[in-house]
PDB file of N, CA and C in Angstrom:
ATOM      1  N   MET A   1      23.361  -3.410 -66.285  1.00  0.00           N
ATOM      2  CA  MET A   1      23.383  -2.518 -65.330  1.00  0.00           C
ATOM      3  C   MET A   1      23.405  -1.101 -65.765  1.00  0.00           C
ATOM      4  N   ASN A   2      22.545  -0.457 -65.284  1.00  0.00           N
ATOM      5  CA  ASN A   2      22.244   0.757 -65.866  1.00  0.00           C
ATOM      6  C   ASN A   2      23.454   1.906 -65.490  1.00  0.00           C
ATOM      7  N   GLU A   3      23.177   3.084 -66.247  1.00  0.00           N
ATOM      8  CA  GLU A   3      24.605   4.022 -66.049  1.00  0.00           C
ATOM      9  C   GLU A   3      24.506   4.596 -64.490  1.00  0.00           C
ATOM     10  N   GLN A   4      23.151   4.962 -63.925  1.00  0.00           N
ATOM     11  CA  GLN A   4      23.173   5.363 -62.738  1.00  0.00           C
ATOM     12  C   GLN A   4      23.592   4.246 -61.585  1.00  0.00           C
ATOM     13  N   THR A   5      23.415   3.077 -61.715  1.00  0.00           N
ATOM     14  CA  THR A   5      23.724   2.075 -60.758  1.00  0.00           C
ATOM     15  C   THR A   5      25.420   1.910 -60.877  1.00  0.00           C
ATOM     16  N   GLN A   6      25.755   1.924 -62.187  1.00  0.00           N
ATOM     17  CA  GLN A   6      27.187   1.905 -62.195  1.00  0.00           C
ATOM     18  C   GLN A   6      27.907   3.154 -61.501  1.00  0.00           C
ATOM     19  N   THR A   7      27.256   4.445 -61.667  1.00  0.00           N
ATOM     20  CA  THR A   7      28.041   5.388 -60.975  1.00  0.00           C
ATOM     21  C   THR A   7      27.931   5.279 -59.329  1.00  0.00           C
ATOM     22  N   LEU A   8      26.866   4.621 -58.787  1.00  0.00           N
ATOM     23  CA  LEU A   8      26.748   4.604 -57.299  1.00  0.00           C
ATOM     24  C   LEU A   8      27.615   3.396 -57.148  1.00  0.00           C
ATOM     25  N   VAL A   9      28.227   2.587 -57.960  1.00  0.00           N
ATOM     26  CA  VAL A   9      29.124   1.576 -57.544  1.00  0.00           C
ATOM     27  C   VAL A   9      30.352   2.136 -57.544  1.00  0.00           C
ATOM     28  N   ALA A  10      30.487   2.949 -58.579  1.00  0.00           N
ATOM     29  CA  ALA A  10      31.907   3.572 -58.792  1.00  0.00           C
ATOM     30  C   ALA A  10      32.220   4.693 -57.464  1.00  0.00           C
ATOM     31  N   ILE A  11      31.059   5.265 -57.072  1.00  0.00           N
ATOM     32  CA  ILE A  11      31.318   5.929 -55.647  1.00  0.00           C
ATOM     33  C   ILE A  11      31.733   5.002 -54.544  1.00  0.00           C
ATOM     34  N   GLY A  12      31.036   4.017 -54.582  1.00  0.00           N
ATOM     35  CA  GLY A  12      31.558   2.890 -53.152  1.00  0.00           C
ATOM     36  C   GLY A  12      33.008   2.653 -53.438  1.00  0.00           C
ATOM     37  N   ALA A  13      33.233   2.188 -54.949  1.00  0.00           N
ATOM     38  CA  ALA A  13      34.632   1.803 -55.095  1.00  0.00           C
ATOM     39  C   ALA A  13      35.827   2.885 -54.747  1.00  0.00           C
ATOM     40  N   SER A  14      35.357   4.203 -54.980  1.00  0.00           N
ATOM     41  CA  SER A  14      36.260   5.233 -54.908  1.00  0.00           C
ATOM     42  C   SER A  14      36.417   5.576 -53.293  1.00  0.00           C
ATOM     43  N   ILE A  15      35.423   5.455 -52.587  1.00  0.00           N
ATOM     44  CA  ILE A  15      35.664   5.525 -51.072  1.00  0.00           C
ATOM     45  C   ILE A  15      36.502   4.194 -50.490  1.00  0.00           C
ATOM     46  N   GLY A  16      36.477   3.123 -51.038  1.00  0.00           N
ATOM     47  CA  GLY A  16      37.188   1.853 -50.882  1.00  0.00           C
ATOM     48  C   GLY A  16      38.534   1.733 -51.025  1.00  0.00           C
ATOM     49  N   ALA A  17      38.764   2.804 -52.350  1.00  0.00           N
ATOM     50  CA  ALA A  17      40.290   2.963 -52.909  1.00  0.00           C
ATOM     51  C   ALA A  17      40.829   4.186 -52.162  1.00  0.00           C
ATOM     52  N   HIS A  18      40.028   4.997 -51.114  1.00  0.00           N
ATOM     53  CA  HIS A  18      40.393   6.119 -50.635  1.00  0.00           C
ATOM     54  C   HIS A  18      40.955   6.989 -51.773  1.00  0.00           C
ATOM     55  N   CYS A  19      40.248   7.318 -52.923  1.00  0.00           N
ATOM     56  CA  CYS A  19      40.800   8.068 -53.814  1.00  0.00           C
ATOM     57  C   CYS A  19      39.729   9.430 -53.931  1.00  0.00           C
ATOM     58  N   HIS A  20      40.214  10.536 -53.513  1.00  0.00           N
ATOM     59  CA  HIS A  20      39.454  11.838 -53.455  1.00  0.00           C
ATOM     60  C   HIS A  20      39.283  12.080 -54.457  1.00  0.00           C
ATOM     61  N   SER A  21      40.043  12.255 -55.680  1.00  0.00           N
ATOM     62  CA  SER A  21      39.841  12.674 -56.976  1.00  0.00           C
ATOM     63  C   SER A  21      38.773  11.722 -57.738  1.00  0.00           C
ATOM     64  N   CYS A  22      38.664  10.531 -57.450  1.00  0.00           N
ATOM     65  CA  CYS A  22      37.781   9.689 -58.137  1.00  0.00           C
ATOM     66  C   CYS A  22      36.376   9.801 -57.564  1.00  0.00           C
ATOM     67  N   LEU A  23      36.312  10.145 -56.097  1.00  0.00           N
ATOM     68  CA  LEU A  23      35.146  10.413 -55.396  1.00  0.00           C
ATOM     69  C   LEU A  23      34.503  11.767 -55.913  1.00  0.00           C
ATOM     70  N   THR A  24      35.262  12.549 -56.229  1.00  0.00           N
ATOM     71  CA  THR A  24      34.661  13.889 -56.711  1.00  0.00           C
ATOM     72  C   THR A  24      34.255  13.747 -57.989  1.00  0.00           C
ATOM     73  N   TYR A  25      34.983  13.201 -58.874  1.00  0.00           N
ATOM     74  CA  TYR A  25      34.372  12.870 -60.257  1.00  0.00           C
ATOM     75  C   TYR A  25      33.111  12.379 -60.186  1.00  0.00           C
ATOM     76  N   HIS A  26      32.912  11.009 -59.628  1.00  0.00           N
ATOM     77  CA  HIS A  26      31.766  10.235 -59.426  1.00  0.00           C
ATOM     78  C   HIS A  26      30.401  10.921 -59.031  1.00  0.00           C
ATOM     79  N   LEU A  27      30.801  11.603 -57.732  1.00  0.00           N
ATOM     80  CA  LEU A  27      29.732  12.419 -57.302  1.00  0.00           C
ATOM     81  C   LEU A  27      29.226  13.450 -58.301  1.00  0.00           C
ATOM     82  N   SER A  28      30.166  14.269 -58.926  1.00  0.00           N
ATOM     83  CA  SER A  28      29.669  15.028 -59.972  1.00  0.00           C
ATOM     84  C   SER A  28      29.077  14.546 -61.175  1.00  0.00           C
ATOM     85  N   ARG A  29      29.511  13.322 -61.456  1.00  0.00           N
ATOM     86  CA  ARG A  29      28.637  12.638 -62.900  1.00  0.00           C
ATOM     87  C   ARG A  29      27.411  12.295 -62.279  1.00  0.00           C
ATOM     88  N   ALA A  30      27.140  11.496 -60.901  1.00  0.00           N
ATOM     89  CA  ALA A  30      25.913  11.354 -60.209  1.00  0.00           C
ATOM     90  C   ALA A  30      24.880  12.384 -60.338  1.00  0.00           C
ATOM     91  N   ARG A  31      25.450  13.570 -59.851  1.00  0.00           N
ATOM     92  CA  ARG A  31      24.627  14.826 -59.966  1.00  0.00           C
ATOM     93  C   ARG A  31      24.147  15.243 -61.213  1.00  0.00           C
ATOM     94  N   GLU A  32      24.933  15.035 -62.380  1.00  0.00           N
ATOM     95  CA  GLU A  32      24.727  15.283 -63.769  1.00  0.00           C
ATOM     96  C   GLU A  32      23.737  14.324 -64.062  1.00  0.00           C
ATOM     97  N   GLN A  33      23.685  13.056 -63.518  1.00  0.00           N
ATOM     98  CA  GLN A  33      22.809  12.248 -63.927  1.00  0.00           C
ATOM     99  C   GLN A  33      21.238  12.279 -63.140  1.00  0.00           C
ATOM    100  N   GLY A  34      21.107  13.027 -62.250  1.00  0.00           N
ATOM    101  CA  GLY A  34      19.988  13.295 -61.564  1.00  0.00           C
ATOM    102  C   GLY A  34      19.812  12.428 -60.216  1.00  0.00           C
ATOM    103  N   ILE A  35      20.866  11.621 -60.038  1.00  0.00           N
ATOM    104  CA  ILE A  35      20.823  10.629 -58.939  1.00  0.00           C
ATOM    105  C   ILE A  35      20.486  11.626 -57.779  1.00  0.00           C
ATOM    106  N   PRO A  36      19.372  11.323 -56.842  1.00  0.00           N
ATOM    107  CA  PRO A  36      18.911  12.025 -55.684  1.00  0.00           C
ATOM    108  C   PRO A  36      20.074  11.971 -54.442  1.00  0.00           C
ATOM    109  N   GLU A  37      20.268  13.253 -53.976  1.00  0.00           N
ATOM    110  CA  GLU A  37      21.219  13.219 -52.799  1.00  0.00           C
ATOM    111  C   GLU A  37      21.359  12.206 -51.835  1.00  0.00           C
ATOM    112  N   ALA A  38      19.882  11.543 -51.592  1.00  0.00           N
ATOM    113  CA  ALA A  38      19.858  10.751 -50.319  1.00  0.00           C
ATOM    114  C   ALA A  38      20.437   9.458 -51.040  1.00  0.00           C
ATOM    115  N   ASP A  39      20.313   8.969 -52.306  1.00  0.00           N
ATOM    116  CA  ASP A  39      20.942   7.996 -52.802  1.00  0.00           C
ATOM    117  C   ASP A  39      22.388   8.029 -52.779  1.00  0.00           C
ATOM    118  N   LEU A  40      22.941   9.163 -53.143  1.00  0.00           N
ATOM    119  CA  LEU A  40      24.316   9.556 -52.876  1.00  0.00           C
ATOM    120  C   LEU A  40      24.847   9.183 -51.609  1.00  0.00           C
ATOM    121  N   ARG A  41      24.285   9.740 -50.617  1.00  0.00           N
ATOM    122  CA  ARG A  41      24.784   9.646 -49.236  1.00  0.00           C
ATOM    123  C   ARG A  41      24.391   8.185 -48.872  1.00  0.00           C
ATOM    124  N   ALA A  42      23.486   7.233 -49.417  1.00  0.00           N
ATOM    125  CA  ALA A  42      23.299   6.007 -48.974  1.00  0.00           C
ATOM    126  C   ALA A  42      24.535   5.102 -49.505  1.00  0.00           C
ATOM    127  N   ALA A  43      24.931   5.617 -50.794  1.00  0.00           N
ATOM    128  CA  ALA A  43      26.201   4.802 -51.214  1.00  0.00           C
ATOM    129  C   ALA A  43      27.371   5.121 -50.632  1.00  0.00           C
ATOM    130  N   CYS A  44      27.408   6.351 -50.196  1.00  0.00           N
ATOM    131  CA  CYS A  44      28.618   6.377 -49.380  1.00  0.00           C
ATOM    132  C   CYS A  44      28.649   5.714 -47.841  1.00  0.00           C
ATOM    133  N   GLU A  45      27.539   5.828 -47.319  1.00  0.00           N
ATOM    134  CA  GLU A  45      27.476   5.109 -46.118  1.00  0.00           C
ATOM    135  C   GLU A  45      27.772   3.678 -46.256  1.00  0.00           C
ATOM    136  N   MET A  46      27.031   3.063 -47.084  1.00  0.00           N
ATOM    137  CA  MET A  46      27.412   1.549 -47.361  1.00  0.00           C
ATOM    138  C   MET A  46      29.108   1.291 -47.590  1.00  0.00           C
ATOM    139  N   ALA A  47      29.444   2.230 -48.292  1.00  0.00           N
ATOM    140  CA  ALA A  47      30.947   2.063 -48.593  1.00  0.00           C
ATOM    141  C   ALA A  47      31.801   2.095 -47.282  1.00  0.00           C
ATOM    142  N   PHE A  48      31.421   3.032 -46.442  1.00  0.00           N
ATOM    143  CA  PHE A  48      31.932   3.186 -45.105  1.00  0.00           C
ATOM    144  C   PHE A  48      31.727   1.999 -44.272  1.00  0.00           C
ATOM    145  N   LYS A  49      30.612   1.391 -44.392  1.00  0.00           N
ATOM    146  CA  LYS A  49      30.267   0.228 -43.632  1.00  0.00           C
ATOM    147  C   LYS A  49      31.202  -0.814 -43.827  1.00  0.00           C
ATOM    148  N   VAL A  50      31.238  -1.160 -45.122  1.00  0.00           N
ATOM    149  CA  VAL A  50      31.941  -2.267 -45.840  1.00  0.00           C
ATOM    150  C   VAL A  50      33.504  -1.976 -45.319  1.00  0.00           C
ATOM    151  N   ALA A  51      34.078  -0.888 -45.691  1.00  0.00           N
ATOM    152  CA  ALA A  51      35.502  -0.813 -45.191  1.00  0.00           C
ATOM    153  C   ALA A  51      35.665  -0.731 -43.704  1.00  0.00           C
ATOM    154  N   ALA A  52      34.738  -0.374 -42.886  1.00  0.00           N
ATOM    155  CA  ALA A  52      34.925  -0.791 -41.526  1.00  0.00           C
ATOM    156  C   ALA A  52      35.071  -2.162 -41.046  1.00  0.00           C
ATOM    157  N   CYS A  53      34.039  -3.010 -41.743  1.00  0.00           N
ATOM    158  CA  CYS A  53      34.038  -4.301 -41.546  1.00  0.00           C
ATOM    159  C   CYS A  53      35.192  -4.851 -41.958  1.00  0.00           C
ATOM    160  N   ALA A  54      35.695  -4.477 -43.017  1.00  0.00           N
ATOM    161  CA  ALA A  54      37.061  -5.175 -43.688  1.00  0.00           C
ATOM    162  C   ALA A  54      38.173  -4.788 -42.806  1.00  0.00           C
ATOM    163  N   GLY A  55      38.208  -3.615 -42.330  1.00  0.00           N
ATOM    164  CA  GLY A  55      39.337  -3.128 -41.283  1.00  0.00           C
ATOM    165  C   GLY A  55      39.287  -3.972 -39.945  1.00  0.00           C
ATOM    166  N   ARG A  56      38.088  -4.279 -39.415  1.00  0.00           N
ATOM    167  CA  ARG A  56      38.068  -5.134 -38.214  1.00  0.00           C
ATOM    168  C   ARG A  56      38.436  -6.468 -38.669  1.00  0.00           C
ATOM    169  N   GLY A  57      37.972  -7.165 -39.830  1.00  0.00           N
ATOM    170  CA  GLY A  57      38.328  -8.380 -40.095  1.00  0.00           C
ATOM    171  C   GLY A  57      39.972  -8.533 -40.184  1.00  0.00           C
ATOM    172  N   MET A  58      40.554  -7.655 -40.994  1.00  0.00           N
ATOM    173  CA  MET A  58      42.069  -7.531 -40.983  1.00  0.00           C
ATOM    174  C   MET A  58      42.451  -7.556 -39.688  1.00  0.00           C
ATOM    175  N   ARG A  59      42.315  -6.836 -38.792  1.00  0.00           N
ATOM    176  CA  ARG A  59      42.814  -6.982 -37.349  1.00  0.00           C
ATOM    177  C   ARG A  59      42.516  -8.075 -37.008  1.00  0.00           C
ATOM    178  N   ASP A  60      41.652  -8.636 -36.816  1.00  0.00           N
ATOM    179  CA  ASP A  60      41.513  -9.802 -36.384  1.00  0.00           C
ATOM    180  C   ASP A  60      42.336 -11.044 -37.005  1.00  0.00           C
ATOM    181  N   PHE A  61      42.439 -10.977 -38.416  1.00  0.00           N
ATOM    182  CA  PHE A  61      43.525 -11.789 -39.080  1.00  0.00           C
ATOM    183  C   PHE A  61      44.916 -11.573 -38.568  1.00  0.00           C
ATOM    184  N   ALA A  62      45.248 -10.382 -38.322  1.00  0.00           N
ATOM    185  CA  ALA A  62      46.529 -10.111 -38.137  1.00  0.00           C
ATOM    186  C   ALA A  62      46.781 -10.381 -36.746  1.00  0.00           C
ATOM    187  N   ASP A  63      45.915 -10.248 -35.646  1.00  0.00           N
ATOM    188  CA  ASP A  63      46.085 -10.772 -34.402  1.00  0.00           C
ATOM    189  C   ASP A  63      46.155 -12.218 -34.238  1.00  0.00           C
ATOM    190  N   ALA A  64      45.386 -13.143 -35.266  1.00  0.00           N
ATOM    191  CA  ALA A  64      45.477 -14.458 -35.292  1.00  0.00           C
ATOM    192  C   ALA A  64      46.989 -14.890 -35.674  1.00  0.00           C
ATOM    193  N   ALA A  65      47.322 -14.074 -36.933  1.00  0.00           N
ATOM    194  CA  ALA A  65      48.719 -14.420 -37.389  1.00  0.00           C
ATOM    195  C   ALA A  65      49.847 -14.286 -36.206  1.00  0.00           C
ATOM    196  N   LEU A  66      49.678 -13.311 -35.358  1.00  0.00           N
ATOM    197  CA  LEU A  66      50.372 -13.240 -34.327  1.00  0.00           C
ATOM    198  C   LEU A  66      50.425 -14.019 -33.199  1.00  0.00           C
ATOM    199  N   GLY A  67      49.394 -14.749 -33.079  1.00  0.00           N
ATOM    200  CA  GLY A  67      48.854 -15.283 -31.935  1.00  0.00           C
ATOM    201  C   GLY A  67      48.127 -14.836 -30.973  1.00  0.00           C
ATOM    202  N   ALA A  68      47.948 -13.677 -31.140  1.00  0.00           N
ATOM    203  CA  ALA A  68      47.264 -12.690 -30.112  1.00  0.00           C
ATOM    204  C   ALA A  68      45.749 -12.903 -30.077  1.00  0.00           C
ATOM    205  N   PRO A  69      44.901 -12.435 -29.053  1.00  0.00           N
ATOM    206  CA  PRO A  69      43.607 -12.759 -28.896  1.00  0.00           C
ATOM    207  C   PRO A  69      42.762 -11.719 -29.854  1.00  0.00           C
ATOM    208  N   SER A  70      41.926 -12.089 -30.536  1.00  0.00           N
ATOM    209  CA  SER A  70      41.084 -11.074 -31.225  1.00  0.00           C
ATOM    210  C   SER A  70      40.733 -10.087 -30.598  1.00  0.00           C
ATOM    211  N   GLY A  71      40.895  -8.624 -31.252  1.00  0.00           N
ATOM    212  CA  GLY A  71      40.564  -7.568 -31.069  1.00  0.00           C
ATOM    213  C   GLY A  71      41.714  -6.760 -30.010  1.00  0.00           C
ATOM    214  N   SER A  72      43.045  -7.304 -29.982  1.00  0.00           N
ATOM    215  CA  SER A  72      43.787  -6.996 -28.837  1.00  0.00           C
ATOM    216  C   SER A  72      44.842  -5.898 -29.347  1.00  0.00           C
ATOM    217  N   CYS A  73      44.266  -5.270 -30.227  1.00  0.00           N
ATOM    218  CA  CYS A  73      44.995  -3.894 -30.789  1.00  0.00           C
ATOM    219  C   CYS A  73      45.825  -3.072 -29.699  1.00  0.00           C
ATOM    220  N   CYS A  74      46.880  -2.563 -30.151  1.00  0.00           N
ATOM    221  CA  CYS A  74      47.749  -1.935 -29.031  1.00  0.00           C
ATOM    222  C   CYS A  74      48.125  -2.601 -27.699  1.00  0.00           C
ATOM    223  N   GLY A  75      48.347  -3.859 -28.099  1.00  0.00           N
ATOM    224  CA  GLY A  75      48.862  -4.988 -27.077  1.00  0.00           C
ATOM    225  C   GLY A  75      47.999  -5.500 -26.201  1.00  0.00           C
ATOM    226  N   GLY A  76      46.700  -5.135 -26.174  1.00  0.00           N
ATOM    227  CA  GLY A  76      45.653  -5.656 -25.347  1.00  0.00           C
ATOM    228  C   GLY A  76      44.254  -4.983 -25.332  1.00  0.00           C
ATOM    229  N   PRO A  77      43.322  -5.443 -24.774  1.00  0.00           N
ATOM    230  CA  PRO A  77      41.988  -4.727 -24.851  1.00  0.00           C
ATOM    231  C   PRO A  77      42.018  -3.335 -24.200  1.00  0.00           C
ATOM    232  N   SER A  78      41.497  -2.429 -24.960  1.00  0.00           N
ATOM    233  CA  SER A  78      41.508  -0.808 -24.662  1.00  0.00           C
ATOM    234  C   SER A  78      40.363  -0.125 -24.777  1.00  0.00           C
ATOM    235  N   THR A  79      40.075   0.841 -23.992  1.00  0.00           N
ATOM    236  CA  THR A  79      38.995   1.529 -24.304  1.00  0.00           C
ATOM    237  C   THR A  79      39.271   3.006 -24.702  1.00  0.00           C
ATOM    238  N   SER A  80      40.686   3.142 -25.129  1.00  0.00           N
ATOM    239  CA  SER A  80      41.182   4.631 -25.931  1.00  0.00           C
ATOM    240  C   SER A  80      41.867   4.168 -26.896  1.00  0.00           C
ATOM    241  N   CYS A  81      41.939   3.086 -27.564  1.00  0.00           N
ATOM    242  CA  CYS A  81      42.858   3.031 -28.900  1.00  0.00           C
ATOM    243  C   CYS A  81      41.834   2.861 -29.964  1.00  0.00           C
ATOM    244  N   CYS A  82      42.381   2.301 -30.972  1.00  0.00           N
ATOM    245  CA  CYS A  82      41.423   1.996 -32.199  1.00  0.00           C
ATOM    246  C   CYS A  82      40.445   1.048 -31.956  1.00  0.00           C
ATOM    247  N   ASN A  83      40.367   0.290 -30.856  1.00  0.00           N
ATOM    248  CA  ASN A  83      39.179  -0.652 -30.675  1.00  0.00           C
ATOM    249  C   ASN A  83      38.003   0.028 -30.802  1.00  0.00           C
ATOM    250  N   ASN A  84      37.920   1.385 -30.387  1.00  0.00           N
ATOM    251  CA  ASN A  84      36.461   2.268 -30.568  1.00  0.00           C
ATOM    252  C   ASN A  84      36.408   2.666 -31.781  1.00  0.00           C
ATOM    253  N   ALA A  85      37.146   2.403 -32.759  1.00  0.00           N
ATOM    254  CA  ALA A  85      36.933   3.144 -34.260  1.00  0.00           C
ATOM    255  C   ALA A  85      36.060   2.299 -34.841  1.00  0.00           C
TER     256      ALA A  85
END
């Protein structure tokens, strides 16, 4: 894996770990390496999509463990709570 690919992976991992200082560092390194801004944004967007999917999966897992219907956040289906996240 080349250095630029490693940096893009590190950007995604930083977002997944919710580490502000890591993301700041790896974005700086990416810019030093000349990685285009569009690629940085794409790496970030992919990390956000993965994190959102994992969050929904965990909510469904917790609901199943509690014997609740899938997506029953906040005690039942809702249009005003985290179901819209």
